[in-house]
PDB file of N, CA and C in Angstrom:
ATOM      1  N   MET A   1       0.855  -1.181   0.000  1.00  0.00           N
ATOM      2  CA  MET A   1       0.000   0.000   0.000  1.00  0.00           C
ATOM      3  C   MET A   1       0.895   1.237   0.000  1.00  0.00           C
ATOM      4  N   VAL A   2       0.694   2.092  -0.980  1.00  0.00           N
ATOM      5  CA  VAL A   2       1.419   3.355  -1.054  1.00  0.00           C
ATOM      6  C   VAL A   2       0.645   4.385  -0.227  1.00  0.00           C
ATOM      7  N   VAL A   3       1.352   5.093   0.655  1.00  0.00           N
ATOM      8  CA  VAL A   3       0.748   6.136   1.482  1.00  0.00           C
ATOM      9  C   VAL A   3       1.601   7.382   1.308  1.00  0.00           C
ATOM     10  N   THR A   4       0.974   8.484   0.903  1.00  0.00           N
ATOM     11  CA  THR A   4       1.731   9.703   0.648  1.00  0.00           C
ATOM     12  C   THR A   4       0.928  10.949   1.011  1.00  0.00           C
ATOM     13  N   THR A   5       1.647  11.994   1.349  1.00  0.00           N
ATOM     14  CA  THR A   5       0.994  13.274   1.644  1.00  0.00           C
ATOM     15  C   THR A   5       0.688  14.058   0.372  1.00  0.00           C
ATOM     16  N   THR A   6       1.262  13.631  -0.745  1.00  0.00           N
ATOM     17  CA  THR A   6       1.035  14.331  -2.011  1.00  0.00           C
ATOM     18  C   THR A   6      -0.302  13.910  -2.628  1.00  0.00           C
ATOM     19  N   PRO A   7      -0.870  14.731  -3.523  1.00  0.00           N
ATOM     20  CA  PRO A   7      -2.167  14.407  -4.122  1.00  0.00           C
ATOM     21  C   PRO A   7      -2.088  13.392  -5.258  1.00  0.00           C
ATOM     22  N   SER A   8      -0.864  13.034  -5.659  1.00  0.00           N
ATOM     23  CA  SER A   8      -0.688  12.062  -6.742  1.00  0.00           C
ATOM     24  C   SER A   8       0.586  11.273  -6.473  1.00  0.00           C
ATOM     25  N   ILE A   9       0.793  10.237  -7.282  1.00  0.00           N
ATOM     26  CA  ILE A   9       1.989   9.404  -7.147  1.00  0.00           C
ATOM     27  C   ILE A   9       2.717   9.439  -8.477  1.00  0.00           C
ATOM     28  N   GLU A  10       3.932   9.954  -8.452  1.00  0.00           N
ATOM     29  CA  GLU A  10       4.694  10.124  -9.693  1.00  0.00           C
ATOM     30  C   GLU A  10       4.824   8.794 -10.434  1.00  0.00           C
ATOM     31  N   GLY A  11       4.514   8.834 -11.725  1.00  0.00           N
ATOM     32  CA  GLY A  11       4.634   7.656 -12.562  1.00  0.00           C
ATOM     33  C   GLY A  11       3.454   6.696 -12.478  1.00  0.00           C
ATOM     34  N   ARG A  12       2.459   7.019 -11.652  1.00  0.00           N
ATOM     35  CA  ARG A  12       1.269   6.163 -11.522  1.00  0.00           C
ATOM     36  C   ARG A  12       0.029   6.987 -11.827  1.00  0.00           C
ATOM     37  N   ARG A  13      -0.946   6.351 -12.433  1.00  0.00           N
ATOM     38  CA  ARG A  13      -2.193   7.031 -12.768  1.00  0.00           C
ATOM     39  C   ARG A  13      -3.275   6.600 -11.787  1.00  0.00           C
ATOM     40  N   ILE A  14      -4.029   7.560 -11.285  1.00  0.00           N
ATOM     41  CA  ILE A  14      -5.152   7.241 -10.412  1.00  0.00           C
ATOM     42  C   ILE A  14      -6.342   6.899 -11.296  1.00  0.00           C
ATOM     43  N   LEU A  15      -6.828   5.654 -11.164  1.00  0.00           N
ATOM     44  CA  LEU A  15      -7.952   5.191 -11.977  1.00  0.00           C
ATOM     45  C   LEU A  15      -9.297   5.520 -11.337  1.00  0.00           C
ATOM     46  N   SER A  16      -9.356   5.414 -10.014  1.00  0.00           N
ATOM     47  CA  SER A  16     -10.622   5.707  -9.329  1.00  0.00           C
ATOM     48  C   SER A  16     -10.360   6.133  -7.891  1.00  0.00           C
ATOM     49  N   TYR A  17     -11.307   6.902  -7.382  1.00  0.00           N
ATOM     50  CA  TYR A  17     -11.253   7.387  -6.013  1.00  0.00           C
ATOM     51  C   TYR A  17     -12.281   6.613  -5.190  1.00  0.00           C
ATOM     52  N   HIS A  18     -11.861   6.119  -4.040  1.00  0.00           N
ATOM     53  CA  HIS A  18     -12.743   5.316  -3.198  1.00  0.00           C
ATOM     54  C   HIS A  18     -13.213   6.063  -1.956  1.00  0.00           C
ATOM     55  N   GLY A  19     -12.851   7.307  -1.839  1.00  0.00           N
ATOM     56  CA  GLY A  19     -13.350   8.130  -0.745  1.00  0.00           C
ATOM     57  C   GLY A  19     -12.354   8.361   0.375  1.00  0.00           C
ATOM     58  N   LEU A  20     -12.815   9.110   1.334  1.00  0.00           N
ATOM     59  CA  LEU A  20     -12.030   9.502   2.497  1.00  0.00           C
ATOM     60  C   LEU A  20     -11.862   8.319   3.437  1.00  0.00           C
ATOM     61  N   VAL A  21     -10.648   8.112   3.926  1.00  0.00           N
ATOM     62  CA  VAL A  21     -10.376   7.079   4.914  1.00  0.00           C
ATOM     63  C   VAL A  21      -9.619   7.721   6.079  1.00  0.00           C
ATOM     64  N   SER A  22      -9.813   7.171   7.266  1.00  0.00           N
ATOM     65  CA  SER A  22      -9.126   7.732   8.426  1.00  0.00           C
ATOM     66  C   SER A  22      -8.875   6.664   9.472  1.00  0.00           C
ATOM     67  N   GLY A  23      -7.984   6.987  10.379  1.00  0.00           N
ATOM     68  CA  GLY A  23      -7.686   6.147  11.528  1.00  0.00           C
ATOM     69  C   GLY A  23      -7.370   7.041  12.700  1.00  0.00           C
ATOM     70  N   GLN A  24      -7.684   6.568  13.898  1.00  0.00           N
ATOM     71  CA  GLN A  24      -7.446   7.371  15.097  1.00  0.00           C
ATOM     72  C   GLN A  24      -6.779   6.521  16.169  1.00  0.00           C
ATOM     73  N   ALA A  25      -6.027   7.211  17.026  1.00  0.00           N
ATOM     74  CA  ALA A  25      -5.464   6.605  18.232  1.00  0.00           C
ATOM     75  C   ALA A  25      -5.578   7.651  19.328  1.00  0.00           C
ATOM     76  N   ILE A  26      -6.030   7.235  20.501  1.00  0.00           N
ATOM     77  CA  ILE A  26      -6.194   8.165  21.624  1.00  0.00           C
ATOM     78  C   ILE A  26      -5.318   7.698  22.776  1.00  0.00           C
ATOM     79  N   LEU A  27      -4.521   8.635  23.292  1.00  0.00           N
ATOM     80  CA  LEU A  27      -3.674   8.377  24.447  1.00  0.00           C
ATOM     81  C   LEU A  27      -4.351   8.978  25.668  1.00  0.00           C
ATOM     82  N   GLY A  28      -4.565   8.176  26.704  1.00  0.00           N
ATOM     83  CA  GLY A  28      -5.221   8.649  27.910  1.00  0.00           C
ATOM     84  C   GLY A  28      -4.285   9.391  28.839  1.00  0.00           C
ATOM     85  N   ALA A  29      -4.863  10.040  29.834  1.00  0.00           N
ATOM     86  CA  ALA A  29      -4.103  10.852  30.783  1.00  0.00           C
ATOM     87  C   ALA A  29      -3.075  10.023  31.547  1.00  0.00           C
ATOM     88  N   ASN A  30      -3.388   8.764  31.856  1.00  0.00           N
ATOM     89  CA  ASN A  30      -2.435   7.961  32.612  1.00  0.00           C
ATOM     90  C   ASN A  30      -1.150   7.735  31.822  1.00  0.00           C
ATOM     91  N   VAL A  31      -1.226   7.733  30.490  1.00  0.00           N
ATOM     92  CA  VAL A  31      -0.026   7.595  29.675  1.00  0.00           C
ATOM     93  C   VAL A  31       0.896   8.773  29.942  1.00  0.00           C
ATOM     94  N   PHE A  32       0.340   9.989  29.974  1.00  0.00           N
ATOM     95  CA  PHE A  32       1.151  11.175  30.211  1.00  0.00           C
ATOM     96  C   PHE A  32       1.741  11.162  31.618  1.00  0.00           C
ATOM     97  N   ARG A  33       0.953  10.748  32.612  1.00  0.00           N
ATOM     98  CA  ARG A  33       1.446  10.696  33.989  1.00  0.00           C
ATOM     99  C   ARG A  33       2.627   9.728  34.069  1.00  0.00           C
ATOM    100  N   ASP A  34       2.479   8.555  33.465  1.00  0.00           N
ATOM    101  CA  ASP A  34       3.554   7.564  33.473  1.00  0.00           C
ATOM    102  C   ASP A  34       4.782   8.086  32.740  1.00  0.00           C
ATOM    103  N   LEU A  35       4.558   8.774  31.638  1.00  0.00           N
ATOM    104  CA  LEU A  35       5.686   9.308  30.878  1.00  0.00           C
ATOM    105  C   LEU A  35       6.435  10.373  31.656  1.00  0.00           C
ATOM    106  N   PHE A  36       5.698  11.283  32.275  1.00  0.00           N
ATOM    107  CA  PHE A  36       6.357  12.351  33.010  1.00  0.00           C
ATOM    108  C   PHE A  36       7.070  11.806  34.241  1.00  0.00           C
ATOM    109  N   ALA A  37       6.596  10.686  34.781  1.00  0.00           N
ATOM    110  CA  ALA A  37       7.284  10.054  35.905  1.00  0.00           C
ATOM    111  C   ALA A  37       8.625   9.495  35.462  1.00  0.00           C
ATOM    112  N   SER A  38       8.725   9.106  34.198  1.00  0.00           N
ATOM    113  CA  SER A  38       9.975   8.523  33.695  1.00  0.00           C
ATOM    114  C   SER A  38      10.718   9.482  32.770  1.00  0.00           C
ATOM    115  N   ILE A  39      10.501  10.768  32.979  1.00  0.00           N
ATOM    116  CA  ILE A  39      11.072  11.772  32.081  1.00  0.00           C
ATOM    117  C   ILE A  39      12.594  11.832  32.205  1.00  0.00           C
ATOM    118  N   ARG A  40      13.152  11.034  33.100  1.00  0.00           N
ATOM    119  CA  ARG A  40      14.601  11.027  33.311  1.00  0.00           C
ATOM    120  C   ARG A  40      15.373  10.616  32.077  1.00  0.00           C
ATOM    121  N   ASP A  41      14.718  10.033  31.097  1.00  0.00           N
ATOM    122  CA  ASP A  41      15.478   9.585  29.928  1.00  0.00           C
ATOM    123  C   ASP A  41      15.657  10.695  28.891  1.00  0.00           C
ATOM    124  N   PHE A  42      15.678  11.941  29.354  1.00  0.00           N
ATOM    125  CA  PHE A  42      15.981  13.063  28.462  1.00  0.00           C
ATOM    126  C   PHE A  42      17.372  12.873  27.879  1.00  0.00           C
ATOM    127  N   VAL A  43      17.494  13.004  26.571  1.00  0.00           N
ATOM    128  CA  VAL A  43      18.784  12.944  25.897  1.00  0.00           C
ATOM    129  C   VAL A  43      18.820  14.113  24.938  1.00  0.00           C
ATOM    130  N   GLY A  44      19.730  15.003  25.158  1.00  0.00           N
ATOM    131  CA  GLY A  44      19.825  16.160  24.281  1.00  0.00           C
ATOM    132  C   GLY A  44      18.570  17.013  24.301  1.00  0.00           C
ATOM    133  N   GLY A  45      17.881  17.076  25.430  1.00  0.00           N
ATOM    134  CA  GLY A  45      16.688  17.910  25.560  1.00  0.00           C
ATOM    135  C   GLY A  45      15.423  17.267  25.028  1.00  0.00           C
ATOM    136  N   ARG A  46      15.470  15.979  24.663  1.00  0.00           N
ATOM    137  CA  ARG A  46      14.298  15.300  24.107  1.00  0.00           C
ATOM    138  C   ARG A  46      13.851  14.200  25.060  1.00  0.00           C
ATOM    139  N   ALA A  47      12.529  13.999  25.131  1.00  0.00           N
ATOM    140  CA  ALA A  47      11.970  12.945  25.969  1.00  0.00           C
ATOM    141  C   ALA A  47      11.712  11.724  25.104  1.00  0.00           C
ATOM    142  N   GLY A  48      12.643  10.782  25.098  1.00  0.00           N
ATOM    143  CA  GLY A  48      12.562   9.612  24.240  1.00  0.00           C
ATOM    144  C   GLY A  48      11.319   8.777  24.468  1.00  0.00           C
ATOM    145  N   ALA A  49      10.944   8.553  25.735  1.00  0.00           N
ATOM    146  CA  ALA A  49       9.765   7.732  26.032  1.00  0.00           C
ATOM    147  C   ALA A  49       8.507   8.395  25.484  1.00  0.00           C
ATOM    148  N   TYR A  50       8.391   9.705  25.654  1.00  0.00           N
ATOM    149  CA  TYR A  50       7.239  10.455  25.168  1.00  0.00           C
ATOM    150  C   TYR A  50       7.156  10.376  23.652  1.00  0.00           C
ATOM    151  N   GLU A  51       8.300  10.551  22.984  1.00  0.00           N
ATOM    152  CA  GLU A  51       8.332  10.482  21.525  1.00  0.00           C
ATOM    153  C   GLU A  51       7.944   9.094  21.036  1.00  0.00           C
ATOM    154  N   ASN A  52       8.372   8.058  21.749  1.00  0.00           N
ATOM    155  CA  ASN A  52       8.025   6.687  21.355  1.00  0.00           C
ATOM    156  C   ASN A  52       6.526   6.445  21.432  1.00  0.00           C
ATOM    157  N   VAL A  53       5.881   6.956  22.470  1.00  0.00           N
ATOM    158  CA  VAL A  53       4.431   6.790  22.607  1.00  0.00           C
ATOM    159  C   VAL A  53       3.716   7.529  21.488  1.00  0.00           C
ATOM    160  N   LEU A  54       4.150   8.736  21.169  1.00  0.00           N
ATOM    161  CA  LEU A  54       3.546   9.494  20.070  1.00  0.00           C
ATOM    162  C   LEU A  54       3.770   8.780  18.738  1.00  0.00           C
ATOM    163  N   ARG A  55       4.945   8.221  18.531  1.00  0.00           N
ATOM    164  CA  ARG A  55       5.242   7.485  17.298  1.00  0.00           C
ATOM    165  C   ARG A  55       4.327   6.263  17.181  1.00  0.00           C
ATOM    166  N   ASP A  56       4.152   5.536  18.288  1.00  0.00           N
ATOM    167  CA  ASP A  56       3.258   4.369  18.280  1.00  0.00           C
ATOM    168  C   ASP A  56       1.827   4.769  17.953  1.00  0.00           C
ATOM    169  N   ALA A  57       1.373   5.898  18.519  1.00  0.00           N
ATOM    170  CA  ALA A  57       0.012   6.375  18.255  1.00  0.00           C
ATOM    171  C   ALA A  57      -0.136   6.755  16.788  1.00  0.00           C
ATOM    172  N   ARG A  58       0.866   7.413  16.233  1.00  0.00           N
ATOM    173  CA  ARG A  58       0.829   7.790  14.812  1.00  0.00           C
ATOM    174  C   ARG A  58       0.773   6.544  13.936  1.00  0.00           C
ATOM    175  N   GLU A  59       1.602   5.546  14.236  1.00  0.00           N
ATOM    176  CA  GLU A  59       1.615   4.321  13.458  1.00  0.00           C
ATOM    177  C   GLU A  59       0.292   3.567  13.566  1.00  0.00           C
ATOM    178  N   THR A  60      -0.342   3.598  14.736  1.00  0.00           N
ATOM    179  CA  THR A  60      -1.648   2.965  14.912  1.00  0.00           C
ATOM    180  C   THR A  60      -2.691   3.655  14.049  1.00  0.00           C
ATOM    181  N   ALA A  61      -2.706   4.996  14.069  1.00  0.00           N
ATOM    182  CA  ALA A  61      -3.678   5.749  13.278  1.00  0.00           C
ATOM    183  C   ALA A  61      -3.474   5.488  11.783  1.00  0.00           C
ATOM    184  N   ILE A  62      -2.227   5.482  11.322  1.00  0.00           N
ATOM    185  CA  ILE A  62      -1.949   5.223   9.912  1.00  0.00           C
ATOM    186  C   ILE A  62      -2.343   3.787   9.556  1.00  0.00           C
ATOM    187  N   GLY A  63      -2.063   2.846  10.437  1.00  0.00           N
ATOM    188  CA  GLY A  63      -2.436   1.455  10.195  1.00  0.00           C
ATOM    189  C   GLY A  63      -3.935   1.271  10.048  1.00  0.00           C
ATOM    190  N   GLU A  64      -4.716   1.953  10.890  1.00  0.00           N
ATOM    191  CA  GLU A  64      -6.180   1.889  10.778  1.00  0.00           C
ATOM    192  C   GLU A  64      -6.654   2.504   9.472  1.00  0.00           C
ATOM    193  N   MET A  65      -6.029   3.601   9.058  1.00  0.00           N
ATOM    194  CA  MET A  65      -6.393   4.250   7.799  1.00  0.00           C
ATOM    195  C   MET A  65      -6.104   3.305   6.625  1.00  0.00           C
ATOM    196  N   ILE A  66      -4.959   2.657   6.644  1.00  0.00           N
ATOM    197  CA  ILE A  66      -4.601   1.716   5.581  1.00  0.00           C
ATOM    198  C   ILE A  66      -5.576   0.553   5.542  1.00  0.00           C
ATOM    199  N   ALA A  67      -5.936   0.015   6.702  1.00  0.00           N
ATOM    200  CA  ALA A  67      -6.879  -1.104   6.762  1.00  0.00           C
ATOM    201  C   ALA A  67      -8.221  -0.723   6.145  1.00  0.00           C
ATOM    202  N   GLU A  68      -8.679   0.500   6.411  1.00  0.00           N
ATOM    203  CA  GLU A  68      -9.937   0.963   5.826  1.00  0.00           C
ATOM    204  C   GLU A  68      -9.813   1.078   4.312  1.00  0.00           C
ATOM    205  N   ALA A  69      -8.680   1.589   3.826  1.00  0.00           N
ATOM    206  CA  ALA A  69      -8.455   1.713   2.381  1.00  0.00           C
ATOM    207  C   ALA A  69      -8.422   0.329   1.719  1.00  0.00           C
ATOM    208  N   GLU A  70      -7.796  -0.640   2.369  1.00  0.00           N
ATOM    209  CA  GLU A  70      -7.742  -2.000   1.820  1.00  0.00           C
ATOM    210  C   GLU A  70      -9.134  -2.612   1.741  1.00  0.00           C
ATOM    211  N   ARG A  71      -9.977  -2.356   2.739  1.00  0.00           N
ATOM    212  CA  ARG A  71     -11.354  -2.866   2.704  1.00  0.00           C
ATOM    213  C   ARG A  71     -12.128  -2.298   1.520  1.00  0.00           C
ATOM    214  N   LEU A  72     -11.754  -1.102   1.094  1.00  0.00           N
ATOM    215  CA  LEU A  72     -12.419  -0.468  -0.051  1.00  0.00           C
ATOM    216  C   LEU A  72     -11.815  -0.904  -1.386  1.00  0.00           C
ATOM    217  N   GLY A  73     -10.769  -1.713  -1.356  1.00  0.00           N
ATOM    218  CA  GLY A  73     -10.129  -2.175  -2.576  1.00  0.00           C
ATOM    219  C   GLY A  73      -9.125  -1.198  -3.160  1.00  0.00           C
ATOM    220  N   ALA A  74      -8.639  -0.275  -2.358  1.00  0.00           N
ATOM    221  CA  ALA A  74      -7.690   0.733  -2.837  1.00  0.00           C
ATOM    222  C   ALA A  74      -6.271   0.175  -2.900  1.00  0.00           C
ATOM    223  N   HIS A  75      -5.445   0.789  -3.750  1.00  0.00           N
ATOM    224  CA  HIS A  75      -4.027   0.460  -3.862  1.00  0.00           C
ATOM    225  C   HIS A  75      -3.161   1.457  -3.110  1.00  0.00           C
ATOM    226  N   ALA A  76      -3.721   2.634  -2.817  1.00  0.00           N
ATOM    227  CA  ALA A  76      -2.922   3.699  -2.210  1.00  0.00           C
ATOM    228  C   ALA A  76      -3.825   4.658  -1.446  1.00  0.00           C
ATOM    229  N   VAL A  77      -3.189   5.465  -0.596  1.00  0.00           N
ATOM    230  CA  VAL A  77      -3.879   6.571   0.076  1.00  0.00           C
ATOM    231  C   VAL A  77      -3.060   7.823  -0.221  1.00  0.00           C
ATOM    232  N   VAL A  78      -3.692   8.813  -0.825  1.00  0.00           N
ATOM    233  CA  VAL A  78      -3.015  10.063  -1.189  1.00  0.00           C
ATOM    234  C   VAL A  78      -3.558  11.212  -0.345  1.00  0.00           C
ATOM    235  N   GLY A  79      -2.796  12.302  -0.321  1.00  0.00           N
ATOM    236  CA  GLY A  79      -3.225  13.490   0.402  1.00  0.00           C
ATOM    237  C   GLY A  79      -3.337  13.273   1.901  1.00  0.00           C
ATOM    238  N   VAL A  80      -2.470  12.442   2.462  1.00  0.00           N
ATOM    239  CA  VAL A  80      -2.558  12.104   3.886  1.00  0.00           C
ATOM    240  C   VAL A  80      -2.210  13.311   4.751  1.00  0.00           C
ATOM    241  N   ASP A  81      -3.018  13.485   5.790  1.00  0.00           N
ATOM    242  CA  ASP A  81      -2.820  14.562   6.767  1.00  0.00           C
ATOM    243  C   ASP A  81      -2.829  13.936   8.153  1.00  0.00           C
ATOM    244  N   LEU A  82      -1.891  14.341   8.997  1.00  0.00           N
ATOM    245  CA  LEU A  82      -1.843  13.883  10.386  1.00  0.00           C
ATOM    246  C   LEU A  82      -2.189  15.041  11.296  1.00  0.00           C
ATOM    247  N   ASP A  83      -3.088  14.791  12.244  1.00  0.00           N
ATOM    248  CA  ASP A  83      -3.480  15.812  13.210  1.00  0.00           C
ATOM    249  C   ASP A  83      -3.269  15.283  14.618  1.00  0.00           C
ATOM    250  N   TYR A  84      -2.804  16.156  15.499  1.00  0.00           N
ATOM    251  CA  TYR A  84      -2.637  15.853  16.920  1.00  0.00           C
ATOM    252  C   TYR A  84      -3.483  16.854  17.682  1.00  0.00           C
ATOM    253  N   GLU A  85      -4.452  16.372  18.474  1.00  0.00           N
ATOM    254  CA  GLU A  85      -5.340  17.271  19.211  1.00  0.00           C
ATOM    255  C   GLU A  85      -5.587  16.744  20.608  1.00  0.00           C
ATOM    256  N   THR A  86      -5.787  17.663  21.547  1.00  0.00           N
ATOM    257  CA  THR A  86      -6.180  17.250  22.883  1.00  0.00           C
ATOM    258  C   THR A  86      -7.696  17.150  22.927  1.00  0.00           C
ATOM    259  N   VAL A  87      -8.185  16.129  23.616  1.00  0.00           N
ATOM    260  CA  VAL A  87      -9.620  15.909  23.758  1.00  0.00           C
ATOM    261  C   VAL A  87      -9.910  15.530  25.208  1.00  0.00           C
ATOM    262  N   GLY A  88     -11.179  15.456  25.534  1.00  0.00           N
ATOM    263  CA  GLY A  88     -11.576  15.067  26.880  1.00  0.00           C
ATOM    264  C   GLY A  88     -11.618  16.246  27.824  1.00  0.00           C
ATOM    265  N   GLN A  89     -12.044  15.957  29.023  1.00  0.00           N
ATOM    266  CA  GLN A  89     -12.163  16.997  30.045  1.00  0.00           C
ATOM    267  C   GLN A  89     -10.787  17.572  30.361  1.00  0.00           C
ATOM    268  N   ASN A  90     -10.650  18.871  30.254  1.00  0.00           N
ATOM    269  CA  ASN A  90      -9.395  19.581  30.512  1.00  0.00           C
ATOM    270  C   ASN A  90      -8.254  19.108  29.614  1.00  0.00           C
ATOM    271  N   GLY A  91      -8.586  18.643  28.430  1.00  0.00           N
ATOM    272  CA  GLY A  91      -7.551  18.200  27.503  1.00  0.00           C
ATOM    273  C   GLY A  91      -6.738  17.045  28.048  1.00  0.00           C
ATOM    274  N   SER A  92      -7.387  16.111  28.718  1.00  0.00           N
ATOM    275  CA  SER A  92      -6.690  15.031  29.415  1.00  0.00           C
ATOM    276  C   SER A  92      -6.221  13.905  28.499  1.00  0.00           C
ATOM    277  N   MET A  93      -6.596  13.949  27.229  1.00  0.00           N
ATOM    278  CA  MET A  93      -6.182  12.901  26.297  1.00  0.00           C
ATOM    279  C   MET A  93      -5.665  13.528  25.008  1.00  0.00           C
ATOM    280  N   LEU A  94      -4.830  12.791  24.323  1.00  0.00           N
ATOM    281  CA  LEU A  94      -4.313  13.242  23.044  1.00  0.00           C
ATOM    282  C   LEU A  94      -4.826  12.304  21.966  1.00  0.00           C
ATOM    283  N   MET A  95      -5.385  12.886  20.901  1.00  0.00           N
ATOM    284  CA  MET A  95      -5.882  12.080  19.787  1.00  0.00           C
ATOM    285  C   MET A  95      -5.008  12.337  18.563  1.00  0.00           C
ATOM    286  N   VAL A  96      -4.566  11.256  17.938  1.00  0.00           N
ATOM    287  CA  VAL A  96      -3.812  11.328  16.689  1.00  0.00           C
ATOM    288  C   VAL A  96      -4.722  10.802  15.592  1.00  0.00           C
ATOM    289  N   THR A  97      -4.919  11.591  14.537  1.00  0.00           N
ATOM    290  CA  THR A  97      -5.788  11.206  13.434  1.00  0.00           C
ATOM    291  C   THR A  97      -5.013  11.249  12.128  1.00  0.00           C
ATOM    292  N   ALA A  98      -5.136  10.190  11.334  1.00  0.00           N
ATOM    293  CA  ALA A  98      -4.566  10.132   9.985  1.00  0.00           C
ATOM    294  C   ALA A  98      -5.725  10.080   9.018  1.00  0.00           C
ATOM    295  N   THR A  99      -5.731  10.985   8.038  1.00  0.00           N
ATOM    296  CA  THR A  99      -6.822  11.064   7.074  1.00  0.00           C
ATOM    297  C   THR A  99      -6.242  11.204   5.675  1.00  0.00           C
ATOM    298  N   GLY A 100      -6.873  10.529   4.701  1.00  0.00           N
ATOM    299  CA  GLY A 100      -6.435  10.628   3.321  1.00  0.00           C
ATOM    300  C   GLY A 100      -7.511  10.148   2.372  1.00  0.00           C
ATOM    301  N   THR A 101      -7.196  10.105   1.093  1.00  0.00           N
ATOM    302  CA  THR A 101      -8.125   9.657   0.066  1.00  0.00           C
ATOM    303  C   THR A 101      -7.641   8.313  -0.488  1.00  0.00           C
ATOM    304  N   ALA A 102      -8.505   7.303  -0.401  1.00  0.00           N
ATOM    305  CA  ALA A 102      -8.183   5.971  -0.917  1.00  0.00           C
ATOM    306  C   ALA A 102      -8.367   5.977  -2.428  1.00  0.00           C
ATOM    307  N   VAL A 103      -7.367   5.462  -3.156  1.00  0.00           N
ATOM    308  CA  VAL A 103      -7.423   5.453  -4.614  1.00  0.00           C
ATOM    309  C   VAL A 103      -6.979   4.099  -5.165  1.00  0.00           C
ATOM    310  N   ARG A 104      -7.438   3.814  -6.380  1.00  0.00           N
ATOM    311  CA  ARG A 104      -6.998   2.636  -7.123  1.00  0.00           C
ATOM    312  C   ARG A 104      -6.071   3.128  -8.218  1.00  0.00           C
ATOM    313  N   LEU A 105      -4.914   2.487  -8.334  1.00  0.00           N
ATOM    314  CA  LEU A 105      -3.887   2.927  -9.279  1.00  0.00           C
ATOM    315  C   LEU A 105      -3.891   2.096 -10.548  1.00  0.00           C
ATOM    316  N   GLY A 106      -3.431   2.713 -11.625  1.00  0.00           N
ATOM    317  CA  GLY A 106      -3.293   2.004 -12.890  1.00  0.00           C
ATOM    318  C   GLY A 106      -1.861   1.728 -13.202  1.00  0.00           C
TER     319      GLY A 106
END
């Protein structure tokens, strides 16, 4: 499955559009509490554990988006956008959303 942020794929023709597909991952407040408790793994001013959790959430959201595109019979997802937003009471959770257009390639 080809996944790209661009609206087209160089050298490939889009034969049909199968619609909008998306995937989400939500990190709860306890994840942040646990991460901040282990913030000691700062290296060069970066929180490695925190970045790993965000990376896992992004990969989960993209994986769900791809699975939806495959169910529609698509070969690729173009125009992918990633959003990170706080949700819940007092912004206690972080939601990662991957959205794109499922397409069939020629």
